[in-house]
Amino acid sequence: MNKNKILDAARAIAAVTVLFGYFSMSPTVYAITKAKELSIKELLAFNKASRTIEFADFVTDFMIMYVKKSGREFPKEAEYALSKVVQEVAQERLDDMDDQVIQIYDKYFTHNEIKQLLDFYKSPVGRKLERVAAPMNKDVFSVSFQWGVELGGVIMEDIQASIAGYRDAVEESTMPAFLYRKKLEYPENAIKKGIEGKILVAVLIDEKGKPVKAKVLKRIPEEYNGFDAAGIDMVMQSTYSPRTVKGSPVKAWLTVPLAFSLE
């Protein structure tokens, strides 16, 4: 397959990710206890193989669809080669993504629920789900994709009518966003006292994407400031892409919600 075709497809994926950097409010970041983190890692290890295949199939199908949609041919042997390369890269780099996946599991499941999921995946039905998850999800994706194609025309007309007034603003500016997010540490004193809470931190990002200063805007509970240092350290040790206006980087504040939960 021509290297330019792969690069074109990669640019299409990158263009989608740019939209997520438009908003100045970062997703909530969660602190996590060591025991719970280890349980989630054990859970992810159960379905690592199926997640690798599923991710590789999704990326491969997306890139092939993009190339074909542009009117260019994509030989079968090139499809096989692309799929093999994507699977190899996914296998090597899946652990990098797991650091973020751990935060998602931590957000939606308590430690006890994670343990129950582990028990399920160790059962016969759980082991079967692990074996069939990748091909089953691929079948579901095919059905969903066809449904989306049939509905796409109607949806696009509605979307174009709705966002016409916002298109120029989106194209001309982006807001700062995380490139590397330092792990949020749960203060030992708060763990010992069983204190949970949330803080809202604002960090000023300069034109080079470096954090200049940070401040706590809000605390829950209001009277407890024991999470302030951990939150400020997290945002100041992270790296960012700067805000841009008409292609030029400018200083801007990024607001980051942080949650501290013992479950």
Foldseek 3Di string as FASTA:
>chain_A
DDPVLVVVLVVVVVVVVQLVQADQEDPAFEAEDPVLLVLVVVLCVLQVVLVLLQVLVVSLVSSQVVCVVVVDDQDPVNSVVSSVVSSVVCNVCVVVCVVVVSRVCVVPDDSVVSVVSVVQCVDPVNVVCSVCVNVVVVVVVVVVVVVCVVCVVVVVVVVCVVCVVPVVVSVFKGAKDFPFFAHQHDDPVCVVVVDWWKWKKKFKAAQAQATDFMDTDAIVVRVDCPRVVSVRVRVNPTGMHAMGGRRGGGIDMHIYMYTYHHD
